Amino acid sequence: MKELIDSQHSYFRAGNTLSYHFRIAQLKSLEKALKEAEPEFYAASIADFGKSEFDTYSSELALLYADIREAIKKLRYWMAPENVRTNLLNFPAKSEVIKEPLGVSLVIGAWNYPYLLSLGPVIAAIAAGCTAVIKPSELTANSSKAMADMIERHFNPAYLAVVEGGVPETTELLAQRFDKIFFTGSPRVGKIVYQAAARHLTPVTLELGGKSPAIIAPSAHLGMAIKRTVWGKFLNAGQTCIAPDYLLVHRSIADKVVAGILAEIEREQFRLNNNNYPRIIDRTHYERLMSLIDQEQVRCGGTGIPDERIILPTVLYPANWEQAAMQEEIFGPILPILVYDDFDSIIDKIKAGERPLSAYLFSKKKAERKQFLDQLHFGGGGVNEAVMHITNPNLPFGGTGSSGVGNYHGKAGFDAFSHQKSVLSKPSWFELPLKYAPRSSVKLNWVKRFFRF
C-alpha cells in the first residue's frame, strides 16, 4: 500500500496531471469506462442489495455523467488564473489567484450509493489535477470489485487506483500521508478520519449525515408535498443521507397529511420485485432499524423479512421527540411524523439539535420560507422539494457542523481538491520606499493613508 501511494506522489511531482489537456482526456476516459462497465455495475448493485438498474442509473450513474460533462465544459474557466484588484500600497503590481492541485488524494466512499459516492469525488479530483486512491465500502463488495476492475482496466495505478477491503485496509490507508482526504459516511467514522488526517495536517472534506427534518405547513400544496416527501424518504429504502429523516406537520392538517402519505405509499407499491425498493444493506443495519420501531405508533409497515433484509415502508404516528427513532439518524424506511402547533417553536426545536445535512420546507408563505432559510443551519435542502438539490451541479453539496466539513459538486468539487495560490507580481523599475529604513513619523502617516485604500 505504501508503495502504491509513493508511486502516486512520484507521478504527481513529475507534473503529469497538471495540464488542461491531460485532465480533459482523463475525464473522457472515465466517462467511456463507466459506459463500458454499466452492465457490470447493474449486476453488482442487484447482488449487493437488490438495487435495480433503473435506480442505479437514475440515482448514481446519471449524476456521474452530469458531473463529468459539467467539468469538461467548464474546466478551462475553472483552471484559469483569477486576476484580482491590487491595493494602492502595492502599486504598480499584478495580483492573481492560481488554482493549484493539492496532490495525492484519498477518497473513502460509502455503501448506500457506492458508485456515486466513490467516483463523484474522483471526478472533482481529476478536474483539479490530483491523483486518487479510492477506497469503496466493503459492505457493497460486488460494487467495490466492479469499480476496482474498471479502474484497473483503464487507468495507471500511479494515477488512479482502488484499494478494496475493510477496516484494516482503511486504517492502513489513513496511516499514510496524503495531500487531501475525502470521506463520505457516518459522523462516528468521520471523527476517526479527521483525527487521522490531523496527524499529517491533511485537509479534509467530510460528507456525513444527521437527522434531516421536513416540515409541511398548512399553506403547502399538500398533494405535492406528500408525493415529494414519500419519494425522498423511501428512495433506496430510506438509505439516503439527505432523505427526510422525520416529518413535522401542523396539527390542523396532520390527520389529512398522514392519510395522504399512507395512500401515496400504497400507490407507489415499494417492493423489491417492483424494482423500486432495495434490501437493507446488512443484518446489523436491519436489526438496528427494527429496534427503532414502536409498534404502538405504526400506521403502516412495521414488519420485516429478516432472511431477505426487507423492512416494509413504515410510518410512525403520532411520534414524539423522546422515542428511539428520534435519538439517532434513522437511515432506513421509517418515517416518524410529529405534530407541531407553532412555527416559531418548531424552528427553535430544530435549532437546538445538531445541524442536519439537509432540511425541507413545504409552504407557500414567504415569511415562513425566510425564517426557515435565515434561522436554520443545514448543509442544503429545498423549499417545496426534497432531495433533488443534489442533482444540480451548480449547487455546492456538503454539511455543516456535525453533518460535515466542506462541499463539492461542480466547481465546488474542483475547489475542494485545489489550493488557491495567491501571487503578487511587481516590476523592478519602481518602489515606494516606505517599508525601508530609516523609519519616521512622516512615513508612518503615509503608511496609514495607503492602508485606507
Protein backbone atom coordinates (compact mmCIF):
# COMPACT_ATOMS: atom_id res chain seq x y z
CA MET A 1 0.00 0.00 0.00
CA LYS A 2 2.82 2.41 0.84
CA GLU A 3 4.46 1.57 -2.47
CA LEU A 4 1.23 2.44 -4.31
CA ILE A 5 0.91 5.78 -2.56
CA ASP A 6 4.59 6.58 -3.07
CA SER A 7 4.13 5.91 -6.78
CA GLN A 8 1.26 8.39 -6.87
CA HIS A 9 3.37 11.02 -5.11
CA SER A 10 6.10 10.49 -7.72
CA TYR A 11 3.59 10.64 -10.56
CA PHE A 12 2.15 13.88 -9.24
CA ARG A 13 5.52 15.51 -8.56
CA ALA A 14 6.54 14.75 -12.15
CA GLY A 15 3.79 17.14 -13.27
CA ASN A 16 1.83 14.55 -15.23
CA THR A 17 -1.58 15.75 -14.04
CA LEU A 18 -1.14 19.49 -14.41
CA SER A 19 -2.17 20.27 -17.98
CA TYR A 20 -5.67 21.08 -19.11
CA HIS A 21 -5.45 18.54 -21.95
CA PHE A 22 -4.40 15.72 -19.63
CA ARG A 23 -7.32 16.37 -17.28
CA ILE A 24 -9.84 16.55 -20.12
CA ALA A 25 -8.51 13.28 -21.54
CA GLN A 26 -8.86 11.56 -18.16
CA LEU A 27 -12.42 12.82 -17.68
CA LYS A 28 -13.34 11.46 -21.11
CA SER A 29 -11.61 8.17 -20.31
CA LEU A 30 -13.64 7.86 -17.11
CA GLU A 31 -16.87 8.57 -18.97
CA LYS A 32 -16.02 5.89 -21.54
CA ALA A 33 -15.02 3.44 -18.81
CA LEU A 34 -18.29 3.99 -16.96
CA LYS A 35 -20.35 3.35 -20.08
CA GLU A 36 -18.47 0.15 -20.81
CA ALA A 37 -18.85 -1.02 -17.20
CA GLU A 38 -22.57 -0.26 -16.86
CA PRO A 39 -23.70 -3.91 -17.21
CA GLU A 40 -21.22 -4.98 -14.52
CA PHE A 41 -22.33 -2.14 -12.26
CA TYR A 42 -26.01 -3.04 -12.61
CA ALA A 43 -25.34 -6.71 -11.82
CA ALA A 44 -23.20 -5.77 -8.81
CA SER A 45 -25.87 -3.44 -7.38
CA ILE A 46 -28.50 -6.15 -7.63
CA ALA A 47 -26.18 -8.68 -6.00
CA ASP A 48 -25.22 -6.32 -3.16
CA PHE A 49 -28.67 -5.18 -2.04
CA GLY A 50 -31.21 -5.61 -4.80
CA LYS A 51 -30.90 -2.10 -6.23
CA SER A 52 -32.46 -2.06 -9.68
CA GLU A 53 -30.91 -0.95 -12.97
CA PHE A 54 -33.35 1.97 -13.10
CA ASP A 55 -32.37 3.24 -9.63
CA THR A 56 -28.65 2.60 -10.16
CA TYR A 57 -28.69 4.67 -13.32
CA SER A 58 -31.05 7.46 -12.21
CA SER A 59 -29.60 8.00 -8.73
CA GLU A 60 -25.93 7.28 -9.40
CA LEU A 61 -24.61 6.93 -12.95
CA ALA A 62 -26.70 9.76 -14.41
CA LEU A 63 -25.28 12.12 -11.78
CA LEU A 64 -21.73 10.97 -12.52
CA TYR A 65 -22.20 11.59 -16.24
CA ALA A 66 -23.64 15.03 -15.49
CA ASP A 67 -20.65 15.90 -13.29
CA ILE A 68 -18.21 14.75 -15.98
CA ARG A 69 -19.95 16.81 -18.67
CA GLU A 70 -20.02 19.84 -16.38
CA ALA A 71 -16.29 19.51 -15.70
CA ILE A 72 -15.38 19.05 -19.37
CA LYS A 73 -17.47 22.08 -20.33
CA LYS A 74 -16.12 24.43 -17.67
CA LEU A 75 -12.66 23.16 -16.77
CA ARG A 76 -10.74 25.76 -18.75
CA TYR A 77 -12.62 28.51 -16.90
CA TRP A 78 -12.11 26.82 -13.51
CA MET A 79 -8.38 26.43 -14.10
CA ALA A 80 -7.75 29.95 -15.37
CA PRO A 81 -5.81 32.26 -13.01
CA GLU A 82 -8.13 34.80 -11.45
CA ASN A 83 -6.99 38.41 -11.60
CA VAL A 84 -7.91 40.40 -8.51
CA ARG A 85 -7.61 44.06 -7.60
CA THR A 86 -4.25 45.28 -6.31
CA ASN A 87 -4.37 47.73 -3.44
CA LEU A 88 -2.68 51.12 -3.66
CA LEU A 89 0.08 50.15 -1.22
CA ASN A 90 1.40 47.62 -3.77
CA PHE A 91 1.11 49.83 -6.86
CA PRO A 92 2.23 49.07 -9.52
CA ALA A 93 1.69 45.31 -9.41
CA LYS A 94 -0.46 42.46 -10.68
CA SER A 95 -2.41 40.26 -8.24
CA GLU A 96 -3.77 36.87 -9.21
CA VAL A 97 -5.06 33.66 -7.68
CA ILE A 98 -3.71 30.45 -9.23
CA LYS A 99 -5.69 27.22 -8.83
CA GLU A 100 -3.16 24.60 -7.80
CA PRO A 101 -3.95 20.86 -7.31
CA LEU A 102 -3.48 19.65 -3.76
CA GLY A 103 -1.78 16.44 -4.89
CA VAL A 104 -2.35 12.82 -3.91
CA SER A 105 -5.87 12.27 -2.57
CA LEU A 106 -7.67 9.53 -0.70
CA VAL A 107 -11.37 9.09 -1.45
CA ILE A 108 -13.29 6.89 1.00
CA GLY A 109 -16.74 6.08 -0.39
CA ALA A 110 -19.99 4.94 1.21
CA TRP A 111 -22.14 1.88 0.60
CA ASN A 112 -25.58 3.43 0.10
CA TYR A 113 -24.70 4.93 -3.29
CA PRO A 114 -21.46 3.05 -3.93
CA TYR A 115 -20.67 4.42 -7.40
CA LEU A 116 -21.81 7.99 -6.89
CA LEU A 117 -20.14 8.48 -3.51
CA SER A 118 -16.87 6.83 -4.54
CA LEU A 119 -16.47 8.19 -8.07
CA GLY A 120 -18.16 11.59 -7.70
CA PRO A 121 -15.26 12.97 -5.64
CA VAL A 122 -12.83 11.33 -8.09
CA ILE A 123 -14.29 13.42 -10.93
CA ALA A 124 -13.51 16.50 -8.85
CA ALA A 125 -10.00 15.22 -8.12
CA ILE A 126 -9.31 14.60 -11.82
CA ALA A 127 -10.59 18.05 -12.76
CA ALA A 128 -8.40 19.67 -10.10
CA GLY A 129 -5.29 17.81 -11.29
CA CYS A 130 -4.92 15.38 -8.38
CA THR A 131 -4.23 11.67 -8.29
CA ALA A 132 -6.55 9.45 -6.24
CA VAL A 133 -6.58 6.30 -4.19
CA ILE A 134 -10.20 5.10 -3.97
CA LYS A 135 -11.45 3.03 -1.04
CA PRO A 136 -15.02 1.83 -1.69
CA SER A 137 -17.16 0.41 1.09
CA GLU A 138 -16.67 -3.25 1.86
CA LEU A 139 -20.42 -3.62 2.58
CA THR A 140 -21.11 -3.45 -1.16
CA ALA A 141 -18.41 -5.92 -2.07
CA ASN A 142 -19.64 -6.63 -5.61
CA SER A 143 -19.86 -2.94 -6.46
CA SER A 144 -16.39 -2.41 -4.98
CA LYS A 145 -15.00 -5.18 -7.18
CA ALA A 146 -16.72 -3.76 -10.27
CA MET A 147 -15.15 -0.35 -9.66
CA ALA A 148 -11.75 -1.86 -8.97
CA ASP A 149 -11.87 -3.83 -12.22
CA MET A 150 -12.94 -0.76 -14.21
CA ILE A 151 -10.21 1.50 -12.81
CA GLU A 152 -7.55 -1.20 -13.27
CA ARG A 153 -8.53 -1.70 -16.94
CA HIS A 154 -8.45 1.97 -17.88
CA PHE A 155 -6.00 3.84 -15.62
CA ASN A 156 -2.40 3.78 -14.49
CA PRO A 157 -2.40 2.87 -10.77
CA ALA A 158 0.13 5.65 -10.20
CA TYR A 159 -2.72 7.97 -11.18
CA LEU A 160 -5.97 6.25 -10.10
CA ALA A 161 -6.18 3.08 -8.03
CA VAL A 162 -8.76 1.23 -5.97
CA VAL A 163 -7.90 -0.40 -2.66
CA GLU A 164 -10.51 -2.92 -1.55
CA GLY A 165 -11.03 -4.27 1.94
CA GLY A 166 -12.50 -3.42 5.30
CA VAL A 167 -11.45 -1.66 8.47
CA PRO A 168 -7.80 -2.94 8.48
CA GLU A 169 -7.20 -1.66 4.95
CA THR A 170 -8.85 1.68 5.70
CA THR A 171 -6.81 2.02 8.88
CA GLU A 172 -3.60 1.33 6.98
CA LEU A 173 -4.55 3.89 4.33
CA LEU A 174 -5.25 6.53 6.96
CA ALA A 175 -1.80 5.97 8.43
CA GLN A 176 -0.23 7.10 5.14
CA ARG A 177 0.43 10.67 4.14
CA PHE A 178 -1.99 12.19 1.63
CA ASP A 179 -2.43 15.73 0.38
CA LYS A 180 -6.24 15.52 0.61
CA ILE A 181 -8.73 13.14 2.22
CA PHE A 182 -12.35 12.98 1.14
CA PHE A 183 -14.69 10.85 3.27
CA THR A 184 -18.38 10.04 2.99
CA GLY A 185 -20.02 8.17 5.85
CA SER A 186 -21.20 8.41 9.42
CA PRO A 187 -20.21 11.15 11.89
CA ARG A 188 -18.69 8.46 14.15
CA VAL A 189 -16.24 7.29 11.48
CA GLY A 190 -15.80 10.85 10.23
CA LYS A 191 -14.24 11.76 13.57
CA ILE A 192 -11.75 8.90 13.19
CA VAL A 193 -10.83 10.10 9.69
CA TYR A 194 -10.47 13.68 10.92
CA GLN A 195 -8.14 12.59 13.72
CA ALA A 196 -6.02 10.55 11.31
CA ALA A 197 -5.78 13.48 8.90
CA ALA A 198 -4.70 15.78 11.73
CA ARG A 199 -1.53 13.75 12.26
CA HIS A 200 -0.26 14.97 8.88
CA LEU A 201 -2.24 18.24 8.82
CA THR A 202 -4.04 16.89 5.75
CA PRO A 203 -7.00 18.94 4.53
CA VAL A 204 -10.28 17.03 4.56
CA THR A 205 -13.78 17.08 3.17
CA LEU A 206 -16.23 15.15 5.34
CA GLU A 207 -19.69 14.32 4.00
CA LEU A 208 -21.59 13.00 6.99
CA GLY A 209 -25.29 12.99 7.88
CA GLY A 210 -27.76 13.78 10.61
CA LYS A 211 -31.47 13.96 11.29
CA SER A 212 -32.77 15.95 8.34
CA PRO A 213 -36.21 17.44 9.05
CA ALA A 214 -39.07 18.06 6.65
CA ILE A 215 -41.83 20.49 7.58
CA ILE A 216 -45.29 20.61 5.99
CA ALA A 217 -47.06 23.87 6.83
CA PRO A 218 -50.81 24.49 6.40
CA SER A 219 -50.25 26.70 3.35
CA ALA A 220 -48.41 23.96 1.44
CA HIS A 221 -49.74 22.28 -1.67
CA LEU A 222 -50.46 19.11 0.29
CA GLY A 223 -50.67 16.72 -2.64
CA MET A 224 -47.26 17.66 -3.98
CA ALA A 225 -45.70 17.92 -0.51
CA ILE A 226 -46.84 14.39 0.30
CA LYS A 227 -45.71 12.99 -3.04
CA ARG A 228 -42.24 14.52 -2.85
CA THR A 229 -41.73 13.62 0.81
CA VAL A 230 -42.68 9.98 0.29
CA TRP A 231 -40.44 9.68 -2.77
CA GLY A 232 -37.49 11.31 -1.00
CA LYS A 233 -37.91 9.28 2.18
CA PHE A 234 -38.26 5.82 0.66
CA LEU A 235 -35.81 6.23 -2.22
CA ASN A 236 -33.18 3.50 -1.78
CA ALA A 237 -35.30 2.15 1.11
CA GLY A 238 -34.51 5.27 3.11
CA GLN A 239 -30.77 4.62 2.90
CA THR A 240 -30.04 8.14 1.68
CA CYS A 241 -28.07 10.67 3.72
CA ILE A 242 -30.27 13.58 2.56
CA ALA A 243 -33.61 11.78 2.89
CA PRO A 244 -36.19 13.43 5.16
CA ASP A 245 -35.38 11.75 8.47
CA TYR A 246 -38.61 12.81 10.18
CA LEU A 247 -41.65 14.88 9.29
CA LEU A 248 -43.16 17.80 11.18
CA VAL A 249 -46.79 18.58 10.34
CA HIS A 250 -49.03 21.34 11.66
CA ARG A 251 -51.79 19.99 13.87
CA SER A 252 -54.55 21.43 11.69
CA ILE A 253 -53.55 19.25 8.73
CA ALA A 254 -51.86 16.31 10.49
CA ASP A 255 -54.55 13.67 10.00
CA LYS A 256 -55.02 14.67 6.36
CA VAL A 257 -51.28 14.51 5.68
CA VAL A 258 -50.91 11.13 7.37
CA ALA A 259 -53.80 9.71 5.34
CA GLY A 260 -52.24 11.12 2.18
CA ILE A 261 -48.83 9.61 2.99
CA LEU A 262 -50.34 6.19 3.61
CA ALA A 263 -52.21 6.41 0.30
CA GLU A 264 -49.08 7.52 -1.57
CA ILE A 265 -47.03 4.65 -0.11
CA GLU A 266 -49.71 2.23 -1.24
CA ARG A 267 -49.82 3.83 -4.70
CA GLU A 268 -46.03 3.62 -5.13
CA GLN A 269 -46.02 -0.10 -4.30
CA PHE A 270 -42.49 -0.15 -2.88
CA ARG A 271 -41.40 -3.73 -3.44
CA LEU A 272 -38.14 -5.48 -4.27
CA ASN A 273 -39.76 -7.23 -7.25
CA ASN A 274 -41.10 -3.88 -8.48
CA ASN A 275 -37.51 -2.71 -8.96
CA ASN A 276 -38.09 0.37 -6.78
CA TYR A 277 -37.07 -0.80 -3.31
CA PRO A 278 -33.76 -2.47 -2.36
CA ARG A 279 -32.80 -4.51 0.67
CA ILE A 280 -31.30 -3.12 3.86
CA ILE A 281 -27.56 -3.35 3.35
CA ASP A 282 -26.78 -5.97 6.02
CA ARG A 283 -28.20 -7.79 9.03
CA THR A 284 -26.66 -5.36 11.55
CA HIS A 285 -28.40 -2.38 9.96
CA TYR A 286 -31.62 -4.38 9.63
CA GLU A 287 -31.71 -5.23 13.33
CA ARG A 288 -30.85 -1.66 14.34
CA LEU A 289 -33.71 -0.31 12.25
CA MET A 290 -36.21 -2.83 13.58
CA SER A 291 -35.28 -1.79 17.13
CA LEU A 292 -36.35 1.79 16.33
CA ILE A 293 -39.95 0.83 15.52
CA ASP A 294 -42.51 1.50 18.25
CA GLN A 295 -45.31 -0.90 17.33
CA GLU A 296 -47.90 1.20 19.15
CA GLN A 297 -47.27 4.04 16.68
CA VAL A 298 -47.19 2.01 13.47
CA ARG A 299 -49.67 3.27 10.87
CA CYS A 300 -48.26 1.17 8.05
CA GLY A 301 -45.39 -1.27 7.68
CA GLY A 302 -43.60 -2.02 10.92
CA THR A 303 -42.68 -5.54 9.81
CA GLY A 304 -39.62 -7.02 8.23
CA ILE A 305 -38.40 -10.13 6.44
CA PRO A 306 -35.10 -10.98 8.17
CA ASP A 307 -33.84 -13.53 5.64
CA GLU A 308 -34.29 -11.04 2.80
CA ARG A 309 -33.31 -7.94 4.83
CA ILE A 310 -36.51 -6.18 3.80
CA ILE A 311 -38.35 -3.69 6.03
CA LEU A 312 -41.67 -2.51 4.68
CA PRO A 313 -42.16 1.27 4.41
CA THR A 314 -43.08 2.27 7.95
CA VAL A 315 -44.93 5.33 9.27
CA LEU A 316 -44.88 6.13 13.00
CA TYR A 317 -47.65 8.48 14.15
CA PRO A 318 -48.02 10.31 16.41
CA ALA A 319 -44.30 10.28 17.11
CA ASN A 320 -42.54 12.21 19.87
CA TRP A 321 -39.09 13.66 20.47
CA GLU A 322 -38.19 11.16 23.21
CA GLN A 323 -38.66 7.88 21.35
CA ALA A 324 -35.82 5.74 20.00
CA ALA A 325 -36.34 6.71 16.35
CA MET A 326 -35.76 10.37 17.23
CA GLN A 327 -32.45 9.82 19.05
CA GLU A 328 -30.30 8.97 16.03
CA GLU A 329 -30.24 9.26 12.27
CA ILE A 330 -32.65 6.62 11.01
CA PHE A 331 -31.12 5.88 7.60
CA GLY A 332 -33.86 3.48 6.64
CA PRO A 333 -37.54 3.21 5.62
CA ILE A 334 -39.03 4.51 8.87
CA LEU A 335 -40.81 7.88 8.91
CA PRO A 336 -41.76 9.36 12.31
CA ILE A 337 -44.42 12.07 11.96
CA LEU A 338 -44.56 14.69 14.72
CA VAL A 339 -47.24 17.33 15.20
CA TYR A 340 -46.43 21.00 15.83
CA ASP A 341 -48.63 23.96 16.77
CA ASP A 342 -46.34 26.95 16.35
CA PHE A 343 -43.83 27.52 13.54
CA ASP A 344 -41.50 29.65 15.69
CA SER A 345 -41.22 27.00 18.37
CA ILE A 346 -40.53 24.19 15.92
CA ILE A 347 -37.74 26.18 14.28
CA ASP A 348 -36.25 26.73 17.75
CA LYS A 349 -36.55 23.00 18.49
CA ILE A 350 -34.66 22.04 15.34
CA LYS A 351 -32.00 24.70 16.04
CA ALA A 352 -31.40 23.21 19.47
CA GLY A 353 -30.18 19.95 17.91
CA GLU A 354 -27.17 19.12 15.75
CA ARG A 355 -27.05 20.77 12.35
CA PRO A 356 -28.55 18.39 9.77
CA LEU A 357 -27.16 17.66 6.33
CA SER A 358 -30.47 18.66 4.75
CA ALA A 359 -33.77 20.33 5.63
CA TYR A 360 -37.00 20.75 3.70
CA LEU A 361 -39.94 23.12 3.99
CA PHE A 362 -43.27 22.82 2.21
CA SER A 363 -45.01 26.17 2.46
CA LYS A 364 -46.35 28.98 0.27
CA LYS A 365 -45.74 31.67 2.89
CA LYS A 366 -42.77 33.95 2.22
CA ALA A 367 -42.37 34.71 5.93
CA GLU A 368 -42.03 31.00 6.78
CA ARG A 369 -39.60 30.48 3.92
CA LYS A 370 -37.47 33.40 5.11
CA GLN A 371 -37.48 32.20 8.71
CA PHE A 372 -36.61 28.65 7.64
CA LEU A 373 -33.68 29.79 5.48
CA ASP A 374 -32.40 32.55 7.76
CA GLN A 375 -32.55 30.78 11.12
CA LEU A 376 -31.83 27.10 10.43
CA HIS A 377 -28.27 25.96 9.78
CA PHE A 378 -28.11 22.95 7.45
CA GLY A 379 -25.97 21.72 4.58
CA GLY A 380 -28.52 22.10 1.80
CA GLY A 381 -32.13 21.38 1.10
CA GLY A 382 -35.25 22.59 -0.57
CA VAL A 383 -38.39 24.67 -0.38
CA ASN A 384 -41.35 22.68 -1.73
CA GLU A 385 -38.95 19.95 -2.84
CA ALA A 386 -36.99 17.09 -1.27
CA VAL A 387 -33.62 15.53 -2.16
CA MET A 388 -33.47 16.94 -5.71
CA HIS A 389 -30.97 19.69 -4.86
CA ILE A 390 -28.26 17.05 -5.20
CA THR A 391 -28.95 16.80 -8.94
CA ASN A 392 -27.90 20.39 -9.71
CA PRO A 393 -24.09 20.55 -10.23
CA ASN A 394 -24.21 24.31 -9.73
CA LEU A 395 -25.25 23.86 -6.10
CA PRO A 396 -22.38 23.03 -3.69
CA PHE A 397 -23.17 19.91 -1.68
CA GLY A 398 -21.93 19.45 1.86
CA GLY A 399 -22.76 19.62 5.53
CA THR A 400 -22.04 21.99 8.36
CA GLY A 401 -21.12 21.24 11.95
CA SER A 402 -21.75 17.59 12.79
CA SER A 403 -23.08 16.90 9.29
CA GLY A 404 -19.81 17.60 7.56
CA VAL A 405 -16.86 19.76 6.60
CA GLY A 406 -16.55 21.33 3.15
CA ASN A 407 -18.55 20.66 0.00
CA TYR A 408 -18.27 19.51 -3.60
CA HIS A 409 -20.11 19.04 -6.95
CA GLY A 410 -19.26 21.12 -9.99
CA LYS A 411 -16.87 23.98 -9.32
CA ALA A 412 -17.18 23.39 -5.57
CA GLY A 413 -15.65 19.94 -6.15
CA PHE A 414 -12.82 21.41 -8.19
CA ASP A 415 -12.17 23.90 -5.39
CA ALA A 416 -12.24 21.13 -2.75
CA PHE A 417 -9.24 19.44 -4.36
CA SER A 418 -7.42 22.70 -5.17
CA HIS A 419 -5.31 25.23 -3.34
CA GLN A 420 -5.83 28.89 -4.20
CA LYS A 421 -2.29 30.19 -4.52
CA SER A 422 -2.02 33.96 -4.18
CA VAL A 423 0.66 35.69 -6.26
CA LEU A 424 1.73 39.35 -6.30
CA SER A 425 3.97 40.26 -9.28
CA LYS A 426 5.83 43.60 -9.26
CA PRO A 427 8.09 45.32 -11.76
CA SER A 428 11.58 46.33 -10.65
CA TRP A 429 11.59 49.87 -12.00
CA PHE A 430 9.55 51.47 -9.20
CA GLU A 431 9.20 51.04 -5.45
CA LEU A 432 7.61 53.07 -2.70
CA PRO A 433 10.38 53.43 -0.08
CA LEU A 434 8.01 53.46 2.89
CA LYS A 435 8.91 49.99 4.19
CA TYR A 436 12.66 50.61 4.16
CA ALA A 437 14.91 52.34 6.68
CA PRO A 438 15.06 54.90 8.05
CA ARG A 439 11.68 54.86 9.73
CA SER A 440 9.97 58.14 10.53
CA SER A 441 6.68 59.62 11.66
CA VAL A 442 6.16 61.03 8.15
CA LYS A 443 6.48 57.56 6.64
CA LEU A 444 4.10 56.15 9.26
CA ASN A 445 1.48 58.72 8.34
CA TRP A 446 1.82 57.79 4.67
CA VAL A 447 1.51 54.07 5.53
CA LYS A 448 -1.71 54.79 7.42
CA ARG A 449 -3.06 56.69 4.43
CA PHE A 450 -2.19 53.96 1.94
CA PHE A 451 -3.81 51.24 4.05
CA ARG A 452 -7.12 53.13 3.83
CA PHE A 453 -7.29 52.50 0.10
